[in-house]
């Protein structure tokens, strides 16, 4: 008389699914070692290009806040009345603040 255990005979002789032989473990570790690692060359090139543009921020010292280049009494017309370049570069945040103030005064910025 045969007792039905619910396990087919073909699976009785096979090792359990979670157990691996030494040969299978060694083969799996070799595959992991030979699997190529993804390298994002575009991201590396972008970071390098950004570093050239921005500069090395780790070596920059904190800049001391200095007086604004654009005088508080300067108007938009004063700024644009000459074709000569400015004596020194105007930082973008300062120029934006200046333009926003002019636009508020003229009612263009709501």
PDB file of N, CA and C in Angstrom:
ATOM      1  N   UNK A   1       0.843  -1.168   0.000  1.00  0.00           N
ATOM      2  CA  UNK A   1       0.000   0.000   0.000  1.00  0.00           C
ATOM      3  C   UNK A   1       0.896   1.240   0.000  1.00  0.00           C
ATOM      4  N   UNK A   2       0.578   2.158  -0.866  1.00  0.00           N
ATOM      5  CA  UNK A   2       1.383   3.371  -1.024  1.00  0.00           C
ATOM      6  C   UNK A   2       0.668   4.543  -0.363  1.00  0.00           C
ATOM      7  N   UNK A   3       1.431   5.338   0.367  1.00  0.00           N
ATOM      8  CA  UNK A   3       0.863   6.500   1.049  1.00  0.00           C
ATOM      9  C   UNK A   3       1.173   7.732   0.209  1.00  0.00           C
ATOM     10  N   UNK A   4       0.154   8.517  -0.052  1.00  0.00           N
ATOM     11  CA  UNK A   4       0.309   9.736  -0.851  1.00  0.00           C
ATOM     12  C   UNK A   4       0.720  10.866   0.082  1.00  0.00           C
ATOM     13  N   UNK A   5       1.966  11.353  -0.065  1.00  0.00           N
ATOM     14  CA  UNK A   5       2.456  12.423   0.798  1.00  0.00           C
ATOM     15  C   UNK A   5       2.263  13.788   0.163  1.00  0.00           C
ATOM     16  N   UNK A   6       1.809  13.830  -1.084  1.00  0.00           N
ATOM     17  CA  UNK A   6       1.599  15.102  -1.754  1.00  0.00           C
ATOM     18  C   UNK A   6       2.842  15.603  -2.470  1.00  0.00           C
ATOM     19  N   UNK A   7       3.965  14.848  -2.383  1.00  0.00           N
ATOM     20  CA  UNK A   7       5.197  15.228  -3.057  1.00  0.00           C
ATOM     21  C   UNK A   7       5.412  14.263  -4.204  1.00  0.00           C
ATOM     22  N   UNK A   8       5.499  14.739  -5.416  1.00  0.00           N
ATOM     23  CA  UNK A   8       5.733  13.833  -6.532  1.00  0.00           C
ATOM     24  C   UNK A   8       7.102  13.172  -6.399  1.00  0.00           C
ATOM     25  N   UNK A   9       7.231  11.940  -6.921  1.00  0.00           N
ATOM     26  CA  UNK A   9       8.476  11.188  -6.809  1.00  0.00           C
ATOM     27  C   UNK A   9       9.636  11.892  -7.500  1.00  0.00           C
ATOM     28  N   UNK A  10       9.376  12.661  -8.552  1.00  0.00           N
ATOM     29  CA  UNK A  10      10.470  13.309  -9.278  1.00  0.00           C
ATOM     30  C   UNK A  10      11.178  14.350  -8.415  1.00  0.00           C
ATOM     31  N   UNK A  11      10.499  14.904  -7.441  1.00  0.00           N
ATOM     32  CA  UNK A  11      11.098  15.925  -6.589  1.00  0.00           C
ATOM     33  C   UNK A  11      11.741  15.328  -5.333  1.00  0.00           C
ATOM     34  N   UNK A  12      11.487  14.069  -5.032  1.00  0.00           N
ATOM     35  CA  UNK A  12      12.040  13.462  -3.824  1.00  0.00           C
ATOM     36  C   UNK A  12      13.549  13.379  -3.888  1.00  0.00           C
ATOM     37  N   UNK A  13      14.129  13.145  -5.046  1.00  0.00           N
ATOM     38  CA  UNK A  13      15.559  12.940  -5.177  1.00  0.00           C
ATOM     39  C   UNK A  13      16.317  14.252  -5.383  1.00  0.00           C
ATOM     40  N   UNK A  14      15.630  15.324  -5.696  1.00  0.00           N
ATOM     41  CA  UNK A  14      16.299  16.597  -5.940  1.00  0.00           C
ATOM     42  C   UNK A  14      16.546  17.310  -4.613  1.00  0.00           C
ATOM     43  N   UNK A  15      17.663  18.090  -4.529  1.00  0.00           N
ATOM     44  CA  UNK A  15      17.881  18.855  -3.300  1.00  0.00           C
ATOM     45  C   UNK A  15      16.821  19.944  -3.167  1.00  0.00           C
ATOM     46  N   UNK A  16      16.641  20.407  -1.951  1.00  0.00           N
ATOM     47  CA  UNK A  16      15.646  21.437  -1.705  1.00  0.00           C
ATOM     48  C   UNK A  16      16.046  22.704  -2.463  1.00  0.00           C
ATOM     49  N   UNK A  17      15.058  23.536  -2.790  1.00  0.00           N
ATOM     50  CA  UNK A  17      15.308  24.719  -3.615  1.00  0.00           C
ATOM     51  C   UNK A  17      16.255  25.712  -2.948  1.00  0.00           C
ATOM     52  N   UNK A  18      16.187  25.890  -1.665  1.00  0.00           N
ATOM     53  CA  UNK A  18      17.007  26.872  -0.970  1.00  0.00           C
ATOM     54  C   UNK A  18      18.446  26.409  -0.775  1.00  0.00           C
ATOM     55  N   UNK A  19      18.712  25.101  -0.877  1.00  0.00           N
ATOM     56  CA  UNK A  19      20.056  24.563  -0.670  1.00  0.00           C
ATOM     57  C   UNK A  19      20.780  24.490  -2.002  1.00  0.00           C
ATOM     58  N   UNK A  20      22.031  24.913  -2.005  1.00  0.00           N
ATOM     59  CA  UNK A  20      22.851  24.845  -3.210  1.00  0.00           C
ATOM     60  C   UNK A  20      24.094  24.030  -2.901  1.00  0.00           C
ATOM     61  N   UNK A  21      24.575  23.356  -3.909  1.00  0.00           N
ATOM     62  CA  UNK A  21      25.807  22.611  -3.732  1.00  0.00           C
ATOM     63  C   UNK A  21      26.977  23.581  -3.764  1.00  0.00           C
ATOM     64  N   UNK A  22      28.166  23.102  -3.366  1.00  0.00           N
ATOM     65  CA  UNK A  22      29.365  23.943  -3.380  1.00  0.00           C
ATOM     66  C   UNK A  22      29.674  24.417  -4.795  1.00  0.00           C
ATOM     67  N   UNK A  23      29.480  23.537  -5.760  1.00  0.00           N
ATOM     68  CA  UNK A  23      29.762  23.889  -7.152  1.00  0.00           C
ATOM     69  C   UNK A  23      28.841  25.014  -7.621  1.00  0.00           C
ATOM     70  N   UNK A  24      27.550  24.942  -7.254  1.00  0.00           N
ATOM     71  CA  UNK A  24      26.600  25.983  -7.653  1.00  0.00           C
ATOM     72  C   UNK A  24      26.920  27.312  -6.963  1.00  0.00           C
ATOM     73  N   UNK A  25      27.324  27.264  -5.707  1.00  0.00           N
ATOM     74  CA  UNK A  25      27.673  28.479  -4.974  1.00  0.00           C
ATOM     75  C   UNK A  25      28.902  29.140  -5.583  1.00  0.00           C
ATOM     76  N   UNK A  26      29.921  28.323  -5.931  1.00  0.00           N
ATOM     77  CA  UNK A  26      31.139  28.854  -6.534  1.00  0.00           C
ATOM     78  C   UNK A  26      30.837  29.468  -7.898  1.00  0.00           C
ATOM     79  N   UNK A  27      29.991  28.780  -8.667  1.00  0.00           N
ATOM     80  CA  UNK A  27      29.631  29.282  -9.997  1.00  0.00           C
ATOM     81  C   UNK A  27      28.862  30.601  -9.879  1.00  0.00           C
ATOM     82  N   UNK A  28      27.959  30.711  -8.908  1.00  0.00           N
ATOM     83  CA  UNK A  28      27.196  31.947  -8.709  1.00  0.00           C
ATOM     84  C   UNK A  28      28.114  33.092  -8.308  1.00  0.00           C
ATOM     85  N   UNK A  29      29.113  32.823  -7.442  1.00  0.00           N
ATOM     86  CA  UNK A  29      30.015  33.895  -7.040  1.00  0.00           C
ATOM     87  C   UNK A  29      30.915  34.316  -8.191  1.00  0.00           C
ATOM     88  N   UNK A  30      31.284  33.389  -9.078  1.00  0.00           N
ATOM     89  CA  UNK A  30      32.068  33.752 -10.260  1.00  0.00           C
ATOM     90  C   UNK A  30      31.258  34.639 -11.194  1.00  0.00           C
ATOM     91  N   UNK A  31      29.978  34.337 -11.339  1.00  0.00           N
ATOM     92  CA  UNK A  31      29.113  35.156 -12.199  1.00  0.00           C
ATOM     93  C   UNK A  31      28.984  36.572 -11.657  1.00  0.00           C
ATOM     94  N   UNK A  32      28.897  36.707 -10.340  1.00  0.00           N
ATOM     95  CA  UNK A  32      28.792  38.027  -9.740  1.00  0.00           C
ATOM     96  C   UNK A  32      30.070  38.817  -9.996  1.00  0.00           C
ATOM     97  N   UNK A  33      31.215  38.164  -9.888  1.00  0.00           N
ATOM     98  CA  UNK A  33      32.491  38.838 -10.083  1.00  0.00           C
ATOM     99  C   UNK A  33      32.700  39.244 -11.535  1.00  0.00           C
ATOM    100  N   UNK A  34      32.176  38.479 -12.475  1.00  0.00           N
ATOM    101  CA  UNK A  34      32.381  38.790 -13.886  1.00  0.00           C
ATOM    102  C   UNK A  34      31.268  39.641 -14.474  1.00  0.00           C
ATOM    103  N   UNK A  35      30.206  39.862 -13.735  1.00  0.00           N
ATOM    104  CA  UNK A  35      29.119  40.697 -14.232  1.00  0.00           C
ATOM    105  C   UNK A  35      29.611  42.135 -14.326  1.00  0.00           C
ATOM    106  N   UNK A  36      29.483  42.759 -15.505  1.00  0.00           N
ATOM    107  CA  UNK A  36      29.978  44.133 -15.636  1.00  0.00           C
ATOM    108  C   UNK A  36      29.145  45.105 -14.797  1.00  0.00           C
ATOM    109  N   UNK A  37      29.820  46.056 -14.212  1.00  0.00           N
ATOM    110  CA  UNK A  37      29.162  47.078 -13.404  1.00  0.00           C
ATOM    111  C   UNK A  37      28.797  48.238 -14.320  1.00  0.00           C
ATOM    112  N   UNK A  38      27.589  48.752 -14.187  1.00  0.00           N
ATOM    113  CA  UNK A  38      27.138  49.870 -15.020  1.00  0.00           C
ATOM    114  C   UNK A  38      27.864  51.136 -14.604  1.00  0.00           C
ATOM    115  N   UNK A  39      28.468  51.786 -15.574  1.00  0.00           N
ATOM    116  CA  UNK A  39      29.143  53.057 -15.342  1.00  0.00           C
ATOM    117  C   UNK A  39      28.449  54.103 -16.203  1.00  0.00           C
ATOM    118  N   UNK A  40      27.948  55.138 -15.578  1.00  0.00           N
ATOM    119  CA  UNK A  40      27.243  56.184 -16.290  1.00  0.00           C
ATOM    120  C   UNK A  40      28.256  57.226 -16.762  1.00  0.00           C
ATOM    121  N   UNK A  41      28.755  57.020 -17.980  1.00  0.00           N
ATOM    122  CA  UNK A  41      29.778  57.910 -18.519  1.00  0.00           C
ATOM    123  C   UNK A  41      29.244  59.322 -18.748  1.00  0.00           C
ATOM    124  N   UNK A  42      27.982  59.438 -19.100  1.00  0.00           N
ATOM    125  CA  UNK A  42      27.384  60.763 -19.324  1.00  0.00           C
ATOM    126  C   UNK A  42      27.349  61.558 -18.022  1.00  0.00           C
ATOM    127  N   UNK A  43      26.999  60.906 -16.916  1.00  0.00           N
ATOM    128  CA  UNK A  43      26.957  61.600 -15.627  1.00  0.00           C
ATOM    129  C   UNK A  43      28.361  62.022 -15.194  1.00  0.00           C
ATOM    130  N   UNK A  44      29.339  61.180 -15.447  1.00  0.00           N
ATOM    131  CA  UNK A  44      30.722  61.521 -15.099  1.00  0.00           C
ATOM    132  C   UNK A  44      31.188  62.719 -15.914  1.00  0.00           C
ATOM    133  N   UNK A  45      30.883  62.712 -17.220  1.00  0.00           N
ATOM    134  CA  UNK A  45      31.269  63.833 -18.086  1.00  0.00           C
ATOM    135  C   UNK A  45      30.552  65.112 -17.658  1.00  0.00           C
ATOM    136  N   UNK A  46      29.286  64.987 -17.271  1.00  0.00           N
ATOM    137  CA  UNK A  46      28.524  66.169 -16.834  1.00  0.00           C
ATOM    138  C   UNK A  46      29.133  66.753 -15.571  1.00  0.00           C
ATOM    139  N   UNK A  47      29.462  65.889 -14.603  1.00  0.00           N
ATOM    140  CA  UNK A  47      30.065  66.362 -13.353  1.00  0.00           C
ATOM    141  C   UNK A  47      31.402  67.049 -13.623  1.00  0.00           C
ATOM    142  N   UNK A  48      32.192  66.484 -14.530  1.00  0.00           N
ATOM    143  CA  UNK A  48      33.481  67.095 -14.864  1.00  0.00           C
ATOM    144  C   UNK A  48      33.294  68.456 -15.526  1.00  0.00           C
ATOM    145  N   UNK A  49      32.331  68.531 -16.438  1.00  0.00           N
ATOM    146  CA  UNK A  49      32.042  69.800 -17.107  1.00  0.00           C
ATOM    147  C   UNK A  49      31.536  70.831 -16.102  1.00  0.00           C
ATOM    148  N   UNK A  50      30.690  70.402 -15.181  1.00  0.00           N
ATOM    149  CA  UNK A  50      30.150  71.305 -14.158  1.00  0.00           C
ATOM    150  C   UNK A  50      31.279  71.802 -13.256  1.00  0.00           C
ATOM    151  N   UNK A  51      32.196  70.905 -12.894  1.00  0.00           N
ATOM    152  CA  UNK A  51      33.317  71.284 -12.039  1.00  0.00           C
ATOM    153  C   UNK A  51      34.179  72.339 -12.723  1.00  0.00           C
ATOM    154  N   UNK A  52      34.364  72.215 -14.039  1.00  0.00           N
ATOM    155  CA  UNK A  52      35.136  73.217 -14.777  1.00  0.00           C
ATOM    156  C   UNK A  52      34.402  74.553 -14.791  1.00  0.00           C
ATOM    157  N   UNK A  53      33.086  74.509 -14.928  1.00  0.00           N
ATOM    158  CA  UNK A  53      32.286  75.728 -15.015  1.00  0.00           C
ATOM    159  C   UNK A  53      32.204  76.429 -13.662  1.00  0.00           C
ATOM    160  N   UNK A  54      31.881  75.677 -12.630  1.00  0.00           N
ATOM    161  CA  UNK A  54      31.659  76.237 -11.299  1.00  0.00           C
ATOM    162  C   UNK A  54      32.973  76.427 -10.557  1.00  0.00           C
ATOM    163  N   UNK A  55      33.914  75.549 -10.794  1.00  0.00           N
ATOM    164  CA  UNK A  55      35.165  75.588 -10.055  1.00  0.00           C
ATOM    165  C   UNK A  55      35.102  74.627  -8.888  1.00  0.00           C
ATOM    166  N   UNK A  56      36.213  74.434  -8.266  1.00  0.00           N
ATOM    167  CA  UNK A  56      36.285  73.530  -7.125  1.00  0.00           C
ATOM    168  C   UNK A  56      35.778  74.271  -5.894  1.00  0.00           C
ATOM    169  N   UNK A  57      34.581  73.926  -5.456  1.00  0.00           N
ATOM    170  CA  UNK A  57      33.961  74.633  -4.333  1.00  0.00           C
ATOM    171  C   UNK A  57      34.625  74.304  -3.007  1.00  0.00           C
ATOM    172  N   UNK A  58      35.353  73.200  -2.928  1.00  0.00           N
ATOM    173  CA  UNK A  58      35.989  72.847  -1.661  1.00  0.00           C
ATOM    174  C   UNK A  58      37.166  73.773  -1.349  1.00  0.00           C
ATOM    175  N   UNK A  59      37.772  74.365  -2.374  1.00  0.00           N
ATOM    176  CA  UNK A  59      38.925  75.224  -2.158  1.00  0.00           C
ATOM    177  C   UNK A  59      38.575  76.710  -2.134  1.00  0.00           C
ATOM    178  N   UNK A  60      37.334  77.030  -2.415  1.00  0.00           N
ATOM    179  CA  UNK A  60      36.926  78.436  -2.387  1.00  0.00           C
ATOM    180  C   UNK A  60      36.673  78.869  -0.952  1.00  0.00           C
ATOM    181  N   UNK A  61      37.135  80.048  -0.639  1.00  0.00           N
ATOM    182  CA  UNK A  61      36.860  80.602   0.681  1.00  0.00           C
ATOM    183  C   UNK A  61      35.532  81.337   0.618  1.00  0.00           C
ATOM    184  N   UNK A  62      34.911  81.453   1.752  1.00  0.00           N
ATOM    185  CA  UNK A  62      33.654  82.187   1.814  1.00  0.00           C
ATOM    186  C   UNK A  62      33.922  83.650   1.485  1.00  0.00           C
ATOM    187  N   UNK A  63      33.186  84.161   0.494  1.00  0.00           N
ATOM    188  CA  UNK A  63      33.389  85.559   0.124  1.00  0.00           C
ATOM    189  C   UNK A  63      32.753  86.466   1.174  1.00  0.00           C
ATOM    190  N   UNK A  64      33.439  87.526   1.458  1.00  0.00           N
ATOM    191  CA  UNK A  64      32.949  88.495   2.429  1.00  0.00           C
ATOM    192  C   UNK A  64      31.932  89.381   1.723  1.00  0.00           C
ATOM    193  N   UNK A  65      30.809  89.593   2.379  1.00  0.00           N
ATOM    194  CA  UNK A  65      29.775  90.444   1.796  1.00  0.00           C
ATOM    195  C   UNK A  65      30.334  91.844   1.590  1.00  0.00           C
ATOM    196  N   UNK A  66      30.193  92.326   0.371  1.00  0.00           N
ATOM    197  CA  UNK A  66      30.712  93.666   0.099  1.00  0.00           C
ATOM    198  C   UNK A  66      29.571  94.576  -0.335  1.00  0.00           C
ATOM    199  N   UNK A  67      29.891  95.846  -0.446  1.00  0.00           N
ATOM    200  CA  UNK A  67      28.873  96.819  -0.821  1.00  0.00           C
ATOM    201  C   UNK A  67      28.353  96.512  -2.216  1.00  0.00           C
ATOM    202  N   UNK A  68      27.071  96.794  -2.441  1.00  0.00           N
ATOM    203  CA  UNK A  68      26.509  96.545  -3.778  1.00  0.00           C
ATOM    204  C   UNK A  68      27.187  97.424  -4.828  1.00  0.00           C
ATOM    205  N   UNK A  69      27.279  96.897  -6.019  1.00  0.00           N
ATOM    206  CA  UNK A  69      27.897  97.634  -7.119  1.00  0.00           C
ATOM    207  C   UNK A  69      26.930  98.680  -7.669  1.00  0.00           C
ATOM    208  N   UNK A  70      25.655  98.305  -7.739  1.00  0.00           N
ATOM    209  CA  UNK A  70      24.633  99.240  -8.216  1.00  0.00           C
ATOM    210  C   UNK A  70      24.184 100.086  -7.040  1.00  0.00           C
ATOM    211  N   UNK A  71      24.266 101.393  -7.188  1.00  0.00           N
ATOM    212  CA  UNK A  71      23.875 102.307  -6.123  1.00  0.00           C
ATOM    213  C   UNK A  71      22.363 102.231  -5.891  1.00  0.00           C
ATOM    214  N   UNK A  72      21.954 102.438  -4.659  1.00  0.00           N
ATOM    215  CA  UNK A  72      20.519 102.384  -4.346  1.00  0.00           C
ATOM    216  C   UNK A  72      19.765 103.527  -5.011  1.00  0.00           C
ATOM    217  N   UNK A  73      20.462 104.576  -5.382  1.00  0.00           N
ATOM    218  CA  UNK A  73      19.797 105.722  -6.013  1.00  0.00           C
ATOM    219  C   UNK A  73      19.825 105.641  -7.544  1.00  0.00           C
ATOM    220  N   UNK A  74      20.457 104.631  -8.098  1.00  0.00           N
ATOM    221  CA  UNK A  74      20.547 104.504  -9.550  1.00  0.00           C
ATOM    222  C   UNK A  74      19.195 104.099 -10.128  1.00  0.00           C
ATOM    223  N   UNK A  75      18.848 104.683 -11.262  1.00  0.00           N
ATOM    224  CA  UNK A  75      17.599 104.335 -11.935  1.00  0.00           C
ATOM    225  C   UNK A  75      17.907 103.435 -13.123  1.00  0.00           C
ATOM    226  N   UNK A  76      16.855 102.906 -13.680  1.00  0.00           N
ATOM    227  CA  UNK A  76      16.973 102.040 -14.848  1.00  0.00           C
ATOM    228  C   UNK A  76      17.590 102.813 -16.008  1.00  0.00           C
ATOM    229  N   UNK A  77      17.190 104.050 -16.174  1.00  0.00           N
ATOM    230  CA  UNK A  77      17.729 104.882 -17.251  1.00  0.00           C
ATOM    231  C   UNK A  77      19.212 105.174 -17.039  1.00  0.00           C
ATOM    232  N   UNK A  78      19.590 105.419 -15.774  1.00  0.00           N
ATOM    233  CA  UNK A  78      21.008 105.643 -15.470  1.00  0.00           C
ATOM    234  C   UNK A  78      21.849 104.420 -15.846  1.00  0.00           C
ATOM    235  N   UNK A  79      21.301 103.264 -15.575  1.00  0.00           N
ATOM    236  CA  UNK A  79      22.022 102.032 -15.834  1.00  0.00           C
ATOM    237  C   UNK A  79      22.220 101.789 -17.331  1.00  0.00           C
ATOM    238  N   UNK A  80      21.205 102.155 -18.125  1.00  0.00           N
ATOM    239  CA  UNK A  80      21.249 101.876 -19.561  1.00  0.00           C
ATOM    240  C   UNK A  80      21.638 103.077 -20.416  1.00  0.00           C
ATOM    241  N   UNK A  81      21.955 104.206 -19.808  1.00  0.00           N
ATOM    242  CA  UNK A  81      22.218 105.421 -20.574  1.00  0.00           C
ATOM    243  C   UNK A  81      23.582 105.429 -21.270  1.00  0.00           C
ATOM    244  N   UNK A  82      24.463 104.543 -20.914  1.00  0.00           N
ATOM    245  CA  UNK A  82      25.792 104.522 -21.506  1.00  0.00           C
ATOM    246  C   UNK A  82      26.060 103.181 -22.182  1.00  0.00           C
ATOM    247  N   UNK A  83      26.905 103.207 -23.186  1.00  0.00           N
ATOM    248  CA  UNK A  83      27.292 101.972 -23.871  1.00  0.00           C
ATOM    249  C   UNK A  83      28.597 101.396 -23.323  1.00  0.00           C
ATOM    250  N   UNK A  84      29.175 102.059 -22.359  1.00  0.00           N
ATOM    251  CA  UNK A  84      30.425 101.591 -21.779  1.00  0.00           C
ATOM    252  C   UNK A  84      30.155 100.434 -20.820  1.00  0.00           C
ATOM    253  N   UNK A  85      31.079  99.495 -20.768  1.00  0.00           N
ATOM    254  CA  UNK A  85      30.895  98.392 -19.816  1.00  0.00           C
ATOM    255  C   UNK A  85      31.004  98.884 -18.383  1.00  0.00           C
ATOM    256  N   UNK A  86      30.434  98.137 -17.481  1.00  0.00           N
ATOM    257  CA  UNK A  86      30.498  98.492 -16.067  1.00  0.00           C
ATOM    258  C   UNK A  86      31.938  98.383 -15.577  1.00  0.00           C
ATOM    259  N   UNK A  87      32.260  99.131 -14.550  1.00  0.00           N
ATOM    260  CA  UNK A  87      33.614  99.118 -13.999  1.00  0.00           C
ATOM    261  C   UNK A  87      33.957  97.729 -13.453  1.00  0.00           C
ATOM    262  N   UNK A  88      32.993  97.043 -12.888  1.00  0.00           N
ATOM    263  CA  UNK A  88      33.195  95.671 -12.416  1.00  0.00           C
ATOM    264  C   UNK A  88      31.923  94.867 -12.653  1.00  0.00           C
ATOM    265  N   UNK A  89      32.065  93.567 -12.601  1.00  0.00           N
ATOM    266  CA  UNK A  89      30.924  92.691 -12.872  1.00  0.00           C
ATOM    267  C   UNK A  89      29.856  92.863 -11.805  1.00  0.00           C
ATOM    268  N   UNK A  90      28.610  92.833 -12.246  1.00  0.00           N
ATOM    269  CA  UNK A  90      27.483  92.942 -11.316  1.00  0.00           C
ATOM    270  C   UNK A  90      26.976  91.528 -11.057  1.00  0.00           C
ATOM    271  N   UNK A  91      26.957  91.089  -9.812  1.00  0.00           N
ATOM    272  CA  UNK A  91      26.463  89.740  -9.508  1.00  0.00           C
ATOM    273  C   UNK A  91      24.992  89.599  -9.898  1.00  0.00           C
ATOM    274  N   UNK A  92      24.636  88.449 -10.379  1.00  0.00           N
ATOM    275  CA  UNK A  92      23.271  88.201 -10.837  1.00  0.00           C
ATOM    276  C   UNK A  92      22.224  88.494  -9.760  1.00  0.00           C
ATOM    277  N   UNK A  93      22.388  88.031  -8.516  1.00  0.00           N
ATOM    278  CA  UNK A  93      21.359  88.337  -7.508  1.00  0.00           C
ATOM    279  C   UNK A  93      21.146  89.835  -7.316  1.00  0.00           C
ATOM    280  N   UNK A  94      22.233  90.607  -7.403  1.00  0.00           N
ATOM    281  CA  UNK A  94      22.106  92.057  -7.251  1.00  0.00           C
ATOM    282  C   UNK A  94      21.333  92.659  -8.428  1.00  0.00           C
ATOM    283  N   UNK A  95      21.617  92.193  -9.641  1.00  0.00           N
ATOM    284  CA  UNK A  95      20.911  92.695 -10.821  1.00  0.00           C
ATOM    285  C   UNK A  95      19.439  92.316 -10.775  1.00  0.00           C
ATOM    286  N   UNK A  96      19.152  91.113 -10.344  1.00  0.00           N
ATOM    287  CA  UNK A  96      17.749  90.686 -10.238  1.00  0.00           C
ATOM    288  C   UNK A  96      17.015  91.549  -9.227  1.00  0.00           C
ATOM    289  N   UNK A  97      17.620  91.784  -8.067  1.00  0.00           N
ATOM    290  CA  UNK A  97      16.993  92.655  -7.061  1.00  0.00           C
ATOM    291  C   UNK A  97      16.731  94.049  -7.628  1.00  0.00           C
ATOM    292  N   UNK A  98      17.695  94.573  -8.351  1.00  0.00           N
ATOM    293  CA  UNK A  98      17.549  95.895  -8.953  1.00  0.00           C
ATOM    294  C   UNK A  98      16.374  95.916  -9.936  1.00  0.00           C
ATOM    295  N   UNK A  99      16.313  94.932 -10.821  1.00  0.00           N
ATOM    296  CA  UNK A  99      15.242  94.897 -11.820  1.00  0.00           C
ATOM    297  C   UNK A  99      13.870  94.709 -11.176  1.00  0.00           C
ATOM    298  N   UNK A 100      13.791  93.867 -10.157  1.00  0.00           N
ATOM    299  CA  UNK A 100      12.505  93.664  -9.472  1.00  0.00           C
ATOM    300  C   UNK A 100      12.048  94.967  -8.832  1.00  0.00           C
ATOM    301  N   UNK A 101      12.984  95.712  -8.219  1.00  0.00           N
ATOM    302  CA  UNK A 101      12.634  97.011  -7.631  1.00  0.00           C
ATOM    303  C   UNK A 101      12.119  97.971  -8.700  1.00  0.00           C
ATOM    304  N   UNK A 102      12.784  98.022  -9.852  1.00  0.00           N
ATOM    305  CA  UNK A 102      12.349  98.907 -10.943  1.00  0.00           C
ATOM    306  C   UNK A 102      10.969  98.491 -11.428  1.00  0.00           C
ATOM    307  N   UNK A 103      10.752  97.195 -11.586  1.00  0.00           N
ATOM    308  CA  UNK A 103       9.456  96.723 -12.075  1.00  0.00           C
ATOM    309  C   UNK A 103       8.346  97.011 -11.075  1.00  0.00           C
ATOM    310  N   UNK A 104       8.619  96.899  -9.779  1.00  0.00           N
ATOM    311  CA  UNK A 104       7.622  97.265  -8.777  1.00  0.00           C
ATOM    312  C   UNK A 104       7.280  98.754  -8.890  1.00  0.00           C
ATOM    313  N   UNK A 105       8.310  99.584  -9.014  1.00  0.00           N
ATOM    314  CA  UNK A 105       8.079 101.039  -9.117  1.00  0.00           C
ATOM    315  C   UNK A 105       7.252 101.393 -10.346  1.00  0.00           C
ATOM    316  N   UNK A 106       7.443 100.641 -11.439  1.00  0.00           N
ATOM    317  CA  UNK A 106       6.712 100.940 -12.669  1.00  0.00           C
ATOM    318  C   UNK A 106       5.394 100.180 -12.749  1.00  0.00           C
ATOM    319  N   UNK A 107       5.095  99.374 -11.734  1.00  0.00           N
ATOM    320  CA  UNK A 107       3.840  98.639 -11.718  1.00  0.00           C
ATOM    321  C   UNK A 107       3.812  97.454 -12.661  1.00  0.00           C
ATOM    322  N   UNK A 108       4.970  96.948 -13.053  1.00  0.00           N
ATOM    323  CA  UNK A 108       5.035  95.822 -13.987  1.00  0.00           C
ATOM    324  C   UNK A 108       5.137  94.478 -13.286  1.00  0.00           C
ATOM    325  N   UNK A 109       5.352  94.491 -12.012  1.00  0.00           N
ATOM    326  CA  UNK A 109       5.549  93.232 -11.264  1.00  0.00           C
ATOM    327  C   UNK A 109       4.467  93.122 -10.220  1.00  0.00           C
ATOM    328  N   UNK A 110       3.565  92.202 -10.412  1.00  0.00           N
ATOM    329  CA  UNK A 110       2.471  92.010  -9.454  1.00  0.00           C
ATOM    330  C   UNK A 110       2.491  90.644  -8.850  1.00  0.00           C
TER     331      UNK A 110
END
